[in-house]
Amino acid sequence: MDSLRQRIIKEISNNPLISTRNICQKLKIDYKKYKQYIWNLKTNYKNEQASNRSISFHAVRFYGFALKSFSRDLALEKGWILSKSKNKRLIYKCSLGRLEWFLNGRITVWIHKPVSEGRLFQILCFGFSYSGLIEESNLDAFLHSFKYKGAHLVQDVGESLPYAKNTTLKGSLGVVVKLGDKSHPKGLEIEFCLPKWAEEFKILTELNIKTIESFAGFLGNTLSPKSKDFPREMVS
Protein backbone atom coordinates (compact mmCIF):
# COMPACT_ATOMS: atom_id res chain seq x y z
CA MET A 1 0.00 0.00 0.00
CA ASP A 2 1.26 3.50 -0.84
CA SER A 3 2.49 5.69 1.98
CA LEU A 4 0.69 8.92 2.83
CA ARG A 5 3.43 10.91 1.09
CA GLN A 6 3.08 8.87 -2.10
CA ARG A 7 -0.72 9.25 -2.03
CA ILE A 8 -0.44 13.04 -1.62
CA ILE A 9 2.09 13.35 -4.47
CA LYS A 10 -0.14 11.22 -6.66
CA GLU A 11 -3.04 13.62 -6.08
CA ILE A 12 -0.80 16.61 -6.86
CA SER A 13 0.54 15.01 -10.07
CA ASN A 14 -3.02 14.24 -11.23
CA ASN A 15 -4.08 17.84 -10.59
CA PRO A 16 -1.27 20.37 -9.90
CA LEU A 17 -3.88 23.04 -9.10
CA ILE A 18 -5.68 21.02 -6.43
CA SER A 19 -6.00 22.80 -3.08
CA THR A 20 -4.55 21.51 0.18
CA ARG A 21 -8.04 21.28 1.67
CA ASN A 22 -9.33 19.17 -1.24
CA ILE A 23 -6.39 16.78 -0.88
CA CYS A 24 -7.23 16.31 2.79
CA GLN A 25 -10.87 15.68 1.95
CA LYS A 26 -10.05 13.11 -0.74
CA LEU A 27 -7.55 11.26 1.46
CA LYS A 28 -9.70 11.68 4.57
CA ILE A 29 -6.97 13.18 6.75
CA ASP A 30 -7.03 16.05 9.23
CA TYR A 31 -6.59 19.40 7.45
CA LYS A 32 -5.11 21.34 10.41
CA LYS A 33 -2.59 18.60 11.12
CA TYR A 34 -1.35 18.05 7.55
CA LYS A 35 -1.87 21.37 5.72
CA GLN A 36 1.75 22.58 6.21
CA TYR A 37 3.14 19.17 5.23
CA ILE A 38 1.03 19.06 2.06
CA TRP A 39 1.93 22.65 1.19
CA ASN A 40 5.65 21.78 1.43
CA LEU A 41 5.16 18.73 -0.81
CA LYS A 42 3.29 20.83 -3.41
CA THR A 43 6.04 23.46 -3.43
CA ASN A 44 8.83 20.89 -3.86
CA TYR A 45 6.85 19.09 -6.58
CA LYS A 46 6.37 22.30 -8.59
CA ASN A 47 10.08 23.19 -8.28
CA GLU A 48 11.12 19.72 -9.48
CA GLN A 49 8.75 19.88 -12.43
CA ALA A 50 9.97 23.37 -13.40
CA SER A 51 13.62 22.28 -13.32
CA ASN A 52 12.89 19.38 -15.67
CA ARG A 53 11.25 21.53 -18.32
CA SER A 54 13.43 22.55 -21.18
CA ILE A 55 14.36 26.07 -22.21
CA SER A 56 15.48 26.30 -25.81
CA PHE A 57 16.17 28.79 -28.56
CA HIS A 58 13.66 28.27 -31.35
CA ALA A 59 15.80 30.29 -33.77
CA VAL A 60 18.42 33.03 -33.76
CA ARG A 61 18.21 35.88 -36.23
CA PHE A 62 20.86 37.98 -38.01
CA TYR A 63 20.45 40.70 -40.62
CA GLY A 64 22.43 42.32 -43.42
CA PHE A 65 21.94 43.83 -46.86
CA ALA A 66 22.35 42.54 -50.40
CA LEU A 67 25.01 43.97 -52.68
CA LYS A 68 23.90 45.98 -55.72
CA SER A 69 25.45 43.32 -57.95
CA PHE A 70 23.11 40.59 -56.66
CA SER A 71 20.50 39.31 -59.12
CA ARG A 72 17.15 38.10 -57.82
CA ASP A 73 16.43 36.43 -61.18
CA LEU A 74 19.66 34.43 -60.93
CA ALA A 75 18.80 33.50 -57.34
CA LEU A 76 15.52 31.94 -58.52
CA GLU A 77 17.50 29.83 -60.96
CA LYS A 78 19.86 28.69 -58.19
CA GLY A 79 17.40 27.25 -55.70
CA TRP A 80 15.79 30.32 -54.11
CA ILE A 81 11.98 30.33 -53.88
CA LEU A 82 9.64 33.29 -54.35
CA SER A 83 7.34 33.67 -51.36
CA LYS A 84 3.58 33.78 -51.93
CA SER A 85 3.27 36.72 -49.54
CA LYS A 86 2.74 40.28 -50.79
CA ASN A 87 6.27 41.39 -49.84
CA LYS A 88 7.68 39.10 -52.59
CA ARG A 89 10.68 38.06 -50.51
CA LEU A 90 12.96 35.30 -51.76
CA ILE A 91 13.55 32.33 -49.48
CA TYR A 92 16.46 29.90 -49.33
CA LYS A 93 16.22 26.87 -46.99
CA CYS A 94 18.74 24.28 -45.86
CA SER A 95 19.44 22.13 -42.78
CA LEU A 96 21.12 25.07 -41.00
CA GLY A 97 18.12 27.41 -41.27
CA ARG A 98 16.81 29.82 -43.89
CA LEU A 99 17.53 33.10 -45.65
CA GLU A 100 14.92 35.74 -46.46
CA TRP A 101 15.78 38.36 -49.11
CA PHE A 102 13.39 41.32 -49.29
CA LEU A 103 12.80 43.75 -52.16
CA ASN A 104 14.50 46.61 -50.29
CA GLY A 105 17.71 44.56 -50.18
CA ARG A 106 17.48 43.50 -46.54
CA ILE A 107 18.48 39.91 -45.81
CA THR A 108 17.33 38.08 -42.69
CA VAL A 109 19.14 34.93 -41.58
CA TRP A 110 17.43 32.39 -39.31
CA ILE A 111 19.79 29.81 -37.80
CA HIS A 112 18.80 26.63 -35.98
CA LYS A 113 20.69 25.74 -32.81
CA PRO A 114 23.54 25.33 -32.08
CA VAL A 115 24.26 28.84 -33.30
CA SER A 116 27.80 29.90 -34.17
CA GLU A 117 29.56 32.35 -36.45
CA GLY A 118 30.67 29.41 -38.58
CA ARG A 119 27.07 28.29 -39.17
CA LEU A 120 26.10 31.88 -40.06
CA PHE A 121 28.87 32.06 -42.65
CA GLN A 122 28.04 28.59 -43.95
CA ILE A 123 24.38 29.29 -44.69
CA LEU A 124 25.32 32.60 -46.36
CA CYS A 125 27.83 30.75 -48.54
CA PHE A 126 25.18 28.18 -49.46
CA GLY A 127 22.77 30.90 -50.52
CA PHE A 128 25.09 33.36 -52.21
CA SER A 129 28.60 32.05 -52.86
CA TYR A 130 28.02 28.46 -54.00
CA SER A 131 25.14 29.65 -56.18
CA GLY A 132 27.37 32.18 -57.95
CA LEU A 133 25.56 35.32 -56.75
CA ILE A 134 28.67 36.95 -55.30
CA GLU A 135 32.27 37.29 -56.44
CA GLU A 136 34.96 35.70 -54.27
CA SER A 137 36.67 39.06 -53.73
CA ASN A 138 33.53 40.50 -52.06
CA LEU A 139 32.64 37.43 -49.99
CA ASP A 140 34.60 38.10 -46.79
CA ALA A 141 33.32 41.67 -46.36
CA PHE A 142 29.76 40.50 -47.10
CA LEU A 143 29.90 37.70 -44.50
CA HIS A 144 31.21 40.00 -41.76
CA SER A 145 28.61 42.69 -42.49
CA PHE A 146 25.82 40.67 -40.86
CA LYS A 147 24.74 41.66 -37.37
CA TYR A 148 22.84 39.95 -34.56
CA LYS A 149 19.14 40.83 -34.56
CA GLY A 150 17.45 38.63 -31.95
CA ALA A 151 16.11 35.19 -31.07
CA HIS A 152 13.05 33.20 -29.99
CA LEU A 153 13.30 31.69 -26.50
CA VAL A 154 10.85 28.91 -25.64
CA GLN A 155 10.00 27.71 -22.10
CA ASP A 156 8.16 24.39 -21.95
CA VAL A 157 5.45 24.52 -19.24
CA GLY A 158 4.37 20.89 -19.54
CA GLU A 159 0.76 21.37 -20.60
CA SER A 160 -1.18 22.79 -23.55
CA LEU A 161 -1.86 26.51 -23.32
CA PRO A 162 -4.54 28.69 -24.90
CA TYR A 163 -3.19 30.86 -27.70
CA ALA A 164 -2.34 34.43 -26.77
CA LYS A 165 0.04 37.05 -28.17
CA ASN A 166 1.18 40.33 -26.63
CA THR A 167 3.04 42.90 -28.77
CA THR A 168 2.91 45.85 -26.33
CA LEU A 169 6.72 46.00 -26.00
CA LYS A 170 7.56 45.21 -29.63
CA GLY A 171 8.16 48.79 -30.75
CA SER A 172 10.02 50.01 -27.65
CA LEU A 173 12.00 46.96 -26.55
CA GLY A 174 11.63 44.52 -29.42
CA VAL A 175 9.83 41.95 -27.25
CA VAL A 176 6.82 39.78 -28.22
CA VAL A 177 5.32 37.21 -25.84
CA LYS A 178 3.29 34.26 -27.13
CA LEU A 179 1.45 31.40 -25.44
CA GLY A 180 0.30 28.16 -27.05
CA ASP A 181 1.67 28.92 -30.50
CA LYS A 182 1.16 26.18 -33.10
CA SER A 183 4.90 25.48 -33.21
CA HIS A 184 5.05 25.14 -29.41
CA PRO A 185 1.56 24.42 -28.00
CA LYS A 186 2.98 23.72 -24.53
CA GLY A 187 5.39 26.62 -24.52
CA LEU A 188 5.80 30.20 -23.42
CA GLU A 189 7.65 31.84 -26.32
CA ILE A 190 9.51 35.13 -26.01
CA GLU A 191 10.67 36.82 -29.21
CA PHE A 192 13.30 39.47 -28.57
CA CYS A 193 15.21 41.51 -31.10
CA LEU A 194 17.03 44.77 -31.66
CA PRO A 195 14.19 47.32 -32.07
CA LYS A 196 14.00 49.24 -35.33
CA TRP A 197 14.87 52.54 -33.65
CA ALA A 198 17.98 50.99 -32.02
CA GLU A 199 19.00 49.41 -35.33
CA GLU A 200 18.70 52.77 -37.12
CA PHE A 201 20.65 54.50 -34.34
CA LYS A 202 23.41 51.90 -34.62
CA ILE A 203 23.64 52.43 -38.40
CA LEU A 204 23.71 56.22 -37.91
CA THR A 205 26.49 55.88 -35.33
CA GLU A 206 28.57 53.76 -37.69
CA LEU A 207 28.12 56.34 -40.45
CA ASN A 208 29.18 59.12 -38.08
CA ILE A 209 32.31 57.17 -37.14
CA LYS A 210 33.23 56.76 -40.80
CA THR A 211 32.66 60.48 -41.38
CA ILE A 212 34.89 61.40 -38.44
CA GLU A 213 37.59 59.02 -39.63
CA SER A 214 37.48 60.45 -43.15
CA PHE A 215 37.59 64.01 -41.84
CA ALA A 216 40.49 63.11 -39.53
CA GLY A 217 42.41 61.67 -42.45
CA PHE A 218 41.77 64.82 -44.46
CA LEU A 219 43.29 66.91 -41.67
CA GLY A 220 46.50 64.91 -41.75
CA ASN A 221 45.39 61.96 -39.62
CA THR A 222 45.49 64.04 -36.42
CA LEU A 223 42.47 62.18 -35.06
CA SER A 224 43.31 58.74 -36.43
CA PRO A 225 41.38 55.84 -34.84
CA LYS A 226 44.82 54.46 -33.93
CA SER A 227 45.50 57.50 -31.78
CA LYS A 228 44.97 57.27 -28.03
CA ASP A 229 43.11 60.59 -28.23
CA PHE A 230 40.25 58.97 -30.17
CA PRO A 231 38.13 56.83 -27.78
CA ARG A 232 36.50 54.73 -30.49
CA GLU A 233 35.26 52.11 -28.03
CA MET A 234 32.94 54.73 -26.55
CA VAL A 235 30.97 55.17 -29.75
CA SER A 236 31.18 51.75 -31.42
C-alpha atoms as a PDB file:
ATOM      1  CA  MET A   1       0.000   0.000   0.000  1.00  0.00           C
ATOM      2  CA  ASP A   2       1.265   3.497  -0.836  1.00  0.00           C
ATOM      3  CA  SER A   3       2.489   5.694   1.979  1.00  0.00           C
ATOM      4  CA  LEU A   4       0.692   8.922   2.832  1.00  0.00           C
ATOM      5  CA  ARG A   5       3.427  10.909   1.095  1.00  0.00           C
ATOM      6  CA  GLN A   6       3.078   8.871  -2.101  1.00  0.00           C
ATOM      7  CA  ARG A   7      -0.721   9.249  -2.033  1.00  0.00           C
ATOM      8  CA  ILE A   8      -0.439  13.038  -1.624  1.00  0.00           C
ATOM      9  CA  ILE A   9       2.085  13.354  -4.469  1.00  0.00           C
ATOM     10  CA  LYS A  10      -0.142  11.219  -6.661  1.00  0.00           C
ATOM     11  CA  GLU A  11      -3.044  13.620  -6.083  1.00  0.00           C
ATOM     12  CA  ILE A  12      -0.797  16.609  -6.865  1.00  0.00           C
ATOM     13  CA  SER A  13       0.536  15.013 -10.066  1.00  0.00           C
ATOM     14  CA  ASN A  14      -3.017  14.241 -11.230  1.00  0.00           C
ATOM     15  CA  ASN A  15      -4.083  17.840 -10.593  1.00  0.00           C
ATOM     16  CA  PRO A  16      -1.273  20.371  -9.900  1.00  0.00           C
ATOM     17  CA  LEU A  17      -3.878  23.037  -9.096  1.00  0.00           C
ATOM     18  CA  ILE A  18      -5.680  21.017  -6.429  1.00  0.00           C
ATOM     19  CA  SER A  19      -6.002  22.797  -3.078  1.00  0.00           C
ATOM     20  CA  THR A  20      -4.550  21.508   0.180  1.00  0.00           C
ATOM     21  CA  ARG A  21      -8.037  21.280   1.666  1.00  0.00           C
ATOM     22  CA  ASN A  22      -9.326  19.168  -1.241  1.00  0.00           C
ATOM     23  CA  ILE A  23      -6.391  16.782  -0.881  1.00  0.00           C
ATOM     24  CA  CYS A  24      -7.232  16.314   2.787  1.00  0.00           C
ATOM     25  CA  GLN A  25     -10.868  15.682   1.950  1.00  0.00           C
ATOM     26  CA  LYS A  26     -10.048  13.112  -0.744  1.00  0.00           C
ATOM     27  CA  LEU A  27      -7.548  11.258   1.461  1.00  0.00           C
ATOM     28  CA  LYS A  28      -9.703  11.677   4.575  1.00  0.00           C
ATOM     29  CA  ILE A  29      -6.972  13.178   6.746  1.00  0.00           C
ATOM     30  CA  ASP A  30      -7.026  16.052   9.233  1.00  0.00           C
ATOM     31  CA  TYR A  31      -6.587  19.401   7.447  1.00  0.00           C
ATOM     32  CA  LYS A  32      -5.107  21.345  10.406  1.00  0.00           C
ATOM     33  CA  LYS A  33      -2.593  18.604  11.116  1.00  0.00           C
ATOM     34  CA  TYR A  34      -1.352  18.045   7.551  1.00  0.00           C
ATOM     35  CA  LYS A  35      -1.869  21.374   5.720  1.00  0.00           C
ATOM     36  CA  GLN A  36       1.746  22.575   6.205  1.00  0.00           C
ATOM     37  CA  TYR A  37       3.143  19.173   5.235  1.00  0.00           C
ATOM     38  CA  ILE A  38       1.031  19.060   2.061  1.00  0.00           C
ATOM     39  CA  TRP A  39       1.932  22.652   1.187  1.00  0.00           C
ATOM     40  CA  ASN A  40       5.652  21.780   1.427  1.00  0.00           C
ATOM     41  CA  LEU A  41       5.156  18.730  -0.815  1.00  0.00           C
ATOM     42  CA  LYS A  42       3.286  20.828  -3.409  1.00  0.00           C
ATOM     43  CA  THR A  43       6.044  23.463  -3.434  1.00  0.00           C
ATOM     44  CA  ASN A  44       8.827  20.888  -3.858  1.00  0.00           C
ATOM     45  CA  TYR A  45       6.852  19.092  -6.581  1.00  0.00           C
ATOM     46  CA  LYS A  46       6.371  22.303  -8.585  1.00  0.00           C
ATOM     47  CA  ASN A  47      10.078  23.188  -8.283  1.00  0.00           C
ATOM     48  CA  GLU A  48      11.118  19.722  -9.480  1.00  0.00           C
ATOM     49  CA  GLN A  49       8.754  19.882 -12.435  1.00  0.00           C
ATOM     50  CA  ALA A  50       9.969  23.366 -13.398  1.00  0.00           C
ATOM     51  CA  SER A  51      13.622  22.285 -13.315  1.00  0.00           C
ATOM     52  CA  ASN A  52      12.888  19.380 -15.667  1.00  0.00           C
ATOM     53  CA  ARG A  53      11.245  21.535 -18.324  1.00  0.00           C
ATOM     54  CA  SER A  54      13.428  22.555 -21.181  1.00  0.00           C
ATOM     55  CA  ILE A  55      14.357  26.066 -22.213  1.00  0.00           C
ATOM     56  CA  SER A  56      15.480  26.296 -25.812  1.00  0.00           C
ATOM     57  CA  PHE A  57      16.173  28.787 -28.563  1.00  0.00           C
ATOM     58  CA  HIS A  58      13.660  28.271 -31.345  1.00  0.00           C
ATOM     59  CA  ALA A  59      15.800  30.289 -33.774  1.00  0.00           C
ATOM     60  CA  VAL A  60      18.417  33.027 -33.758  1.00  0.00           C
ATOM     61  CA  ARG A  61      18.212  35.878 -36.228  1.00  0.00           C
ATOM     62  CA  PHE A  62      20.863  37.984 -38.007  1.00  0.00           C
ATOM     63  CA  TYR A  63      20.453  40.701 -40.625  1.00  0.00           C
ATOM     64  CA  GLY A  64      22.427  42.316 -43.415  1.00  0.00           C
ATOM     65  CA  PHE A  65      21.940  43.833 -46.864  1.00  0.00           C
ATOM     66  CA  ALA A  66      22.348  42.538 -50.396  1.00  0.00           C
ATOM     67  CA  LEU A  67      25.006  43.974 -52.678  1.00  0.00           C
ATOM     68  CA  LYS A  68      23.900  45.979 -55.716  1.00  0.00           C
ATOM     69  CA  SER A  69      25.454  43.320 -57.948  1.00  0.00           C
ATOM     70  CA  PHE A  70      23.110  40.591 -56.663  1.00  0.00           C
ATOM     71  CA  SER A  71      20.504  39.308 -59.122  1.00  0.00           C
ATOM     72  CA  ARG A  72      17.154  38.096 -57.824  1.00  0.00           C
ATOM     73  CA  ASP A  73      16.431  36.434 -61.179  1.00  0.00           C
ATOM     74  CA  LEU A  74      19.657  34.430 -60.926  1.00  0.00           C
ATOM     75  CA  ALA A  75      18.796  33.496 -57.342  1.00  0.00           C
ATOM     76  CA  LEU A  76      15.518  31.941 -58.521  1.00  0.00           C
ATOM     77  CA  GLU A  77      17.503  29.825 -60.963  1.00  0.00           C
ATOM     78  CA  LYS A  78      19.861  28.688 -58.194  1.00  0.00           C
ATOM     79  CA  GLY A  79      17.398  27.250 -55.696  1.00  0.00           C
ATOM     80  CA  TRP A  80      15.795  30.316 -54.107  1.00  0.00           C
ATOM     81  CA  ILE A  81      11.982  30.331 -53.876  1.00  0.00           C
ATOM     82  CA  LEU A  82       9.645  33.289 -54.349  1.00  0.00           C
ATOM     83  CA  SER A  83       7.337  33.668 -51.357  1.00  0.00           C
ATOM     84  CA  LYS A  84       3.579  33.777 -51.926  1.00  0.00           C
ATOM     85  CA  SER A  85       3.272  36.722 -49.543  1.00  0.00           C
ATOM     86  CA  LYS A  86       2.744  40.276 -50.787  1.00  0.00           C
ATOM     87  CA  ASN A  87       6.266  41.389 -49.835  1.00  0.00           C
ATOM     88  CA  LYS A  88       7.680  39.102 -52.586  1.00  0.00           C
ATOM     89  CA  ARG A  89      10.679  38.057 -50.510  1.00  0.00           C
ATOM     90  CA  LEU A  90      12.956  35.295 -51.759  1.00  0.00           C
ATOM     91  CA  ILE A  91      13.554  32.326 -49.482  1.00  0.00           C
ATOM     92  CA  TYR A  92      16.462  29.902 -49.330  1.00  0.00           C
ATOM     93  CA  LYS A  93      16.215  26.871 -46.993  1.00  0.00           C
ATOM     94  CA  CYS A  94      18.745  24.284 -45.855  1.00  0.00           C
ATOM     95  CA  SER A  95      19.445  22.131 -42.782  1.00  0.00           C
ATOM     96  CA  LEU A  96      21.121  25.074 -40.997  1.00  0.00           C
ATOM     97  CA  GLY A  97      18.118  27.412 -41.273  1.00  0.00           C
ATOM     98  CA  ARG A  98      16.807  29.819 -43.886  1.00  0.00           C
ATOM     99  CA  LEU A  99      17.532  33.097 -45.646  1.00  0.00           C
ATOM    100  CA  GLU A 100      14.917  35.744 -46.458  1.00  0.00           C
ATOM    101  CA  TRP A 101      15.776  38.359 -49.109  1.00  0.00           C
ATOM    102  CA  PHE A 102      13.392  41.322 -49.285  1.00  0.00           C
ATOM    103  CA  LEU A 103      12.799  43.755 -52.165  1.00  0.00           C
ATOM    104  CA  ASN A 104      14.505  46.615 -50.287  1.00  0.00           C
ATOM    105  CA  GLY A 105      17.715  44.558 -50.175  1.00  0.00           C
ATOM    106  CA  ARG A 106      17.476  43.499 -46.543  1.00  0.00           C
ATOM    107  CA  ILE A 107      18.481  39.910 -45.809  1.00  0.00           C
ATOM    108  CA  THR A 108      17.335  38.083 -42.688  1.00  0.00           C
ATOM    109  CA  VAL A 109      19.143  34.933 -41.582  1.00  0.00           C
ATOM    110  CA  TRP A 110      17.427  32.392 -39.313  1.00  0.00           C
ATOM    111  CA  ILE A 111      19.790  29.811 -37.804  1.00  0.00           C
ATOM    112  CA  HIS A 112      18.795  26.630 -35.983  1.00  0.00           C
ATOM    113  CA  LYS A 113      20.686  25.737 -32.813  1.00  0.00           C
ATOM    114  CA  PRO A 114      23.538  25.326 -32.083  1.00  0.00           C
ATOM    115  CA  VAL A 115      24.259  28.841 -33.298  1.00  0.00           C
ATOM    116  CA  SER A 116      27.804  29.902 -34.168  1.00  0.00           C
ATOM    117  CA  GLU A 117      29.560  32.353 -36.453  1.00  0.00           C
ATOM    118  CA  GLY A 118      30.665  29.410 -38.582  1.00  0.00           C
ATOM    119  CA  ARG A 119      27.074  28.293 -39.172  1.00  0.00           C
ATOM    120  CA  LEU A 120      26.098  31.875 -40.061  1.00  0.00           C
ATOM    121  CA  PHE A 121      28.872  32.062 -42.647  1.00  0.00           C
ATOM    122  CA  GLN A 122      28.044  28.587 -43.949  1.00  0.00           C
ATOM    123  CA  ILE A 123      24.381  29.294 -44.688  1.00  0.00           C
ATOM    124  CA  LEU A 124      25.321  32.602 -46.360  1.00  0.00           C
ATOM    125  CA  CYS A 125      27.828  30.748 -48.537  1.00  0.00           C
ATOM    126  CA  PHE A 126      25.176  28.177 -49.462  1.00  0.00           C
ATOM    127  CA  GLY A 127      22.766  30.904 -50.524  1.00  0.00           C
ATOM    128  CA  PHE A 128      25.092  33.363 -52.213  1.00  0.00           C
ATOM    129  CA  SER A 129      28.605  32.047 -52.860  1.00  0.00           C
ATOM    130  CA  TYR A 130      28.016  28.460 -53.995  1.00  0.00           C
ATOM    131  CA  SER A 131      25.141  29.651 -56.176  1.00  0.00           C
ATOM    132  CA  GLY A 132      27.372  32.184 -57.951  1.00  0.00           C
ATOM    133  CA  LEU A 133      25.561  35.315 -56.755  1.00  0.00           C
ATOM    134  CA  ILE A 134      28.666  36.948 -55.296  1.00  0.00           C
ATOM    135  CA  GLU A 135      32.271  37.288 -56.439  1.00  0.00           C
ATOM    136  CA  GLU A 136      34.957  35.701 -54.265  1.00  0.00           C
ATOM    137  CA  SER A 137      36.674  39.059 -53.730  1.00  0.00           C
ATOM    138  CA  ASN A 138      33.529  40.496 -52.060  1.00  0.00           C
ATOM    139  CA  LEU A 139      32.642  37.428 -49.993  1.00  0.00           C
ATOM    140  CA  ASP A 140      34.602  38.101 -46.786  1.00  0.00           C
ATOM    141  CA  ALA A 141      33.316  41.670 -46.360  1.00  0.00           C
ATOM    142  CA  PHE A 142      29.758  40.505 -47.101  1.00  0.00           C
ATOM    143  CA  LEU A 143      29.895  37.704 -44.496  1.00  0.00           C
ATOM    144  CA  HIS A 144      31.213  40.003 -41.764  1.00  0.00           C
ATOM    145  CA  SER A 145      28.610  42.692 -42.495  1.00  0.00           C
ATOM    146  CA  PHE A 146      25.817  40.667 -40.859  1.00  0.00           C
ATOM    147  CA  LYS A 147      24.742  41.657 -37.369  1.00  0.00           C
ATOM    148  CA  TYR A 148      22.845  39.949 -34.560  1.00  0.00           C
ATOM    149  CA  LYS A 149      19.143  40.829 -34.560  1.00  0.00           C
ATOM    150  CA  GLY A 150      17.453  38.629 -31.946  1.00  0.00           C
ATOM    151  CA  ALA A 151      16.111  35.195 -31.067  1.00  0.00           C
ATOM    152  CA  HIS A 152      13.053  33.198 -29.993  1.00  0.00           C
ATOM    153  CA  LEU A 153      13.297  31.694 -26.503  1.00  0.00           C
ATOM    154  CA  VAL A 154      10.845  28.907 -25.644  1.00  0.00           C
ATOM    155  CA  GLN A 155      10.001  27.707 -22.102  1.00  0.00           C
ATOM    156  CA  ASP A 156       8.155  24.392 -21.945  1.00  0.00           C
ATOM    157  CA  VAL A 157       5.449  24.521 -19.237  1.00  0.00           C
ATOM    158  CA  GLY A 158       4.371  20.891 -19.539  1.00  0.00           C
ATOM    159  CA  GLU A 159       0.757  21.366 -20.602  1.00  0.00           C
ATOM    160  CA  SER A 160      -1.181  22.790 -23.548  1.00  0.00           C
ATOM    161  CA  LEU A 161      -1.856  26.514 -23.319  1.00  0.00           C
ATOM    162  CA  PRO A 162      -4.545  28.687 -24.897  1.00  0.00           C
ATOM    163  CA  TYR A 163      -3.189  30.858 -27.696  1.00  0.00           C
ATOM    164  CA  ALA A 164      -2.344  34.432 -26.769  1.00  0.00           C
ATOM    165  CA  LYS A 165       0.035  37.049 -28.172  1.00  0.00           C
ATOM    166  CA  ASN A 166       1.184  40.329 -26.632  1.00  0.00           C
ATOM    167  CA  THR A 167       3.041  42.900 -28.770  1.00  0.00           C
ATOM    168  CA  THR A 168       2.908  45.846 -26.328  1.00  0.00           C
ATOM    169  CA  LEU A 169       6.717  46.005 -26.000  1.00  0.00           C
ATOM    170  CA  LYS A 170       7.560  45.214 -29.627  1.00  0.00           C
ATOM    171  CA  GLY A 171       8.163  48.788 -30.746  1.00  0.00           C
ATOM    172  CA  SER A 172      10.017  50.014 -27.652  1.00  0.00           C
ATOM    173  CA  LEU A 173      12.004  46.959 -26.546  1.00  0.00           C
ATOM    174  CA  GLY A 174      11.629  44.518 -29.416  1.00  0.00           C
ATOM    175  CA  VAL A 175       9.829  41.947 -27.246  1.00  0.00           C
ATOM    176  CA  VAL A 176       6.824  39.783 -28.220  1.00  0.00           C
ATOM    177  CA  VAL A 177       5.320  37.209 -25.837  1.00  0.00           C
ATOM    178  CA  LYS A 178       3.287  34.260 -27.128  1.00  0.00           C
ATOM    179  CA  LEU A 179       1.452  31.398 -25.442  1.00  0.00           C
ATOM    180  CA  GLY A 180       0.296  28.156 -27.051  1.00  0.00           C
ATOM    181  CA  ASP A 181       1.670  28.919 -30.498  1.00  0.00           C
ATOM    182  CA  LYS A 182       1.157  26.176 -33.098  1.00  0.00           C
ATOM    183  CA  SER A 183       4.899  25.477 -33.213  1.00  0.00           C
ATOM    184  CA  HIS A 184       5.052  25.141 -29.410  1.00  0.00           C
ATOM    185  CA  PRO A 185       1.557  24.420 -28.003  1.00  0.00           C
ATOM    186  CA  LYS A 186       2.981  23.723 -24.528  1.00  0.00           C
ATOM    187  CA  GLY A 187       5.389  26.615 -24.519  1.00  0.00           C
ATOM    188  CA  LEU A 188       5.799  30.205 -23.425  1.00  0.00           C
ATOM    189  CA  GLU A 189       7.650  31.840 -26.321  1.00  0.00           C
ATOM    190  CA  ILE A 190       9.510  35.130 -26.013  1.00  0.00           C
ATOM    191  CA  GLU A 191      10.668  36.823 -29.206  1.00  0.00           C
ATOM    192  CA  PHE A 192      13.296  39.475 -28.569  1.00  0.00           C
ATOM    193  CA  CYS A 193      15.205  41.513 -31.098  1.00  0.00           C
ATOM    194  CA  LEU A 194      17.030  44.770 -31.663  1.00  0.00           C
ATOM    195  CA  PRO A 195      14.186  47.324 -32.067  1.00  0.00           C
ATOM    196  CA  LYS A 196      14.002  49.239 -35.331  1.00  0.00           C
ATOM    197  CA  TRP A 197      14.872  52.538 -33.647  1.00  0.00           C
ATOM    198  CA  ALA A 198      17.980  50.987 -32.024  1.00  0.00           C
ATOM    199  CA  GLU A 199      19.001  49.415 -35.331  1.00  0.00           C
ATOM    200  CA  GLU A 200      18.698  52.768 -37.117  1.00  0.00           C
ATOM    201  CA  PHE A 201      20.651  54.500 -34.337  1.00  0.00           C
ATOM    202  CA  LYS A 202      23.408  51.902 -34.624  1.00  0.00           C
ATOM    203  CA  ILE A 203      23.642  52.427 -38.401  1.00  0.00           C
ATOM    204  CA  LEU A 204      23.714  56.225 -37.912  1.00  0.00           C
ATOM    205  CA  THR A 205      26.489  55.882 -35.326  1.00  0.00           C
ATOM    206  CA  GLU A 206      28.574  53.765 -37.689  1.00  0.00           C
ATOM    207  CA  LEU A 207      28.119  56.345 -40.449  1.00  0.00           C
ATOM    208  CA  ASN A 208      29.181  59.120 -38.081  1.00  0.00           C
ATOM    209  CA  ILE A 209      32.308  57.175 -37.142  1.00  0.00           C
ATOM    210  CA  LYS A 210      33.231  56.756 -40.801  1.00  0.00           C
ATOM    211  CA  THR A 211      32.661  60.480 -41.382  1.00  0.00           C
ATOM    212  CA  ILE A 212      34.885  61.396 -38.442  1.00  0.00           C
ATOM    213  CA  GLU A 213      37.594  59.017 -39.628  1.00  0.00           C
ATOM    214  CA  SER A 214      37.476  60.450 -43.150  1.00  0.00           C
ATOM    215  CA  PHE A 215      37.591  64.012 -41.837  1.00  0.00           C
ATOM    216  CA  ALA A 216      40.488  63.112 -39.531  1.00  0.00           C
ATOM    217  CA  GLY A 217      42.407  61.668 -42.450  1.00  0.00           C
ATOM    218  CA  PHE A 218      41.766  64.822 -44.463  1.00  0.00           C
ATOM    219  CA  LEU A 219      43.291  66.914 -41.668  1.00  0.00           C
ATOM    220  CA  GLY A 220      46.499  64.913 -41.748  1.00  0.00           C
ATOM    221  CA  ASN A 221      45.394  61.963 -39.619  1.00  0.00           C
ATOM    222  CA  THR A 222      45.493  64.040 -36.421  1.00  0.00           C
ATOM    223  CA  LEU A 223      42.468  62.176 -35.058  1.00  0.00           C
ATOM    224  CA  SER A 224      43.309  58.739 -36.425  1.00  0.00           C
ATOM    225  CA  PRO A 225      41.378  55.836 -34.844  1.00  0.00           C
ATOM    226  CA  LYS A 226      44.823  54.457 -33.930  1.00  0.00           C
ATOM    227  CA  SER A 227      45.503  57.497 -31.785  1.00  0.00           C
ATOM    228  CA  LYS A 228      44.968  57.273 -28.029  1.00  0.00           C
ATOM    229  CA  ASP A 229      43.112  60.588 -28.232  1.00  0.00           C
ATOM    230  CA  PHE A 230      40.252  58.973 -30.172  1.00  0.00           C
ATOM    231  CA  PRO A 231      38.134  56.828 -27.776  1.00  0.00           C
ATOM    232  CA  ARG A 232      36.497  54.732 -30.490  1.00  0.00           C
ATOM    233  CA  GLU A 233      35.262  52.106 -28.030  1.00  0.00           C
ATOM    234  CA  MET A 234      32.943  54.733 -26.549  1.00  0.00           C
ATOM    235  CA  VAL A 235      30.970  55.171 -29.755  1.00  0.00           C
ATOM    236  CA  SER A 236      31.176  51.753 -31.421  1.00  0.00           C
END
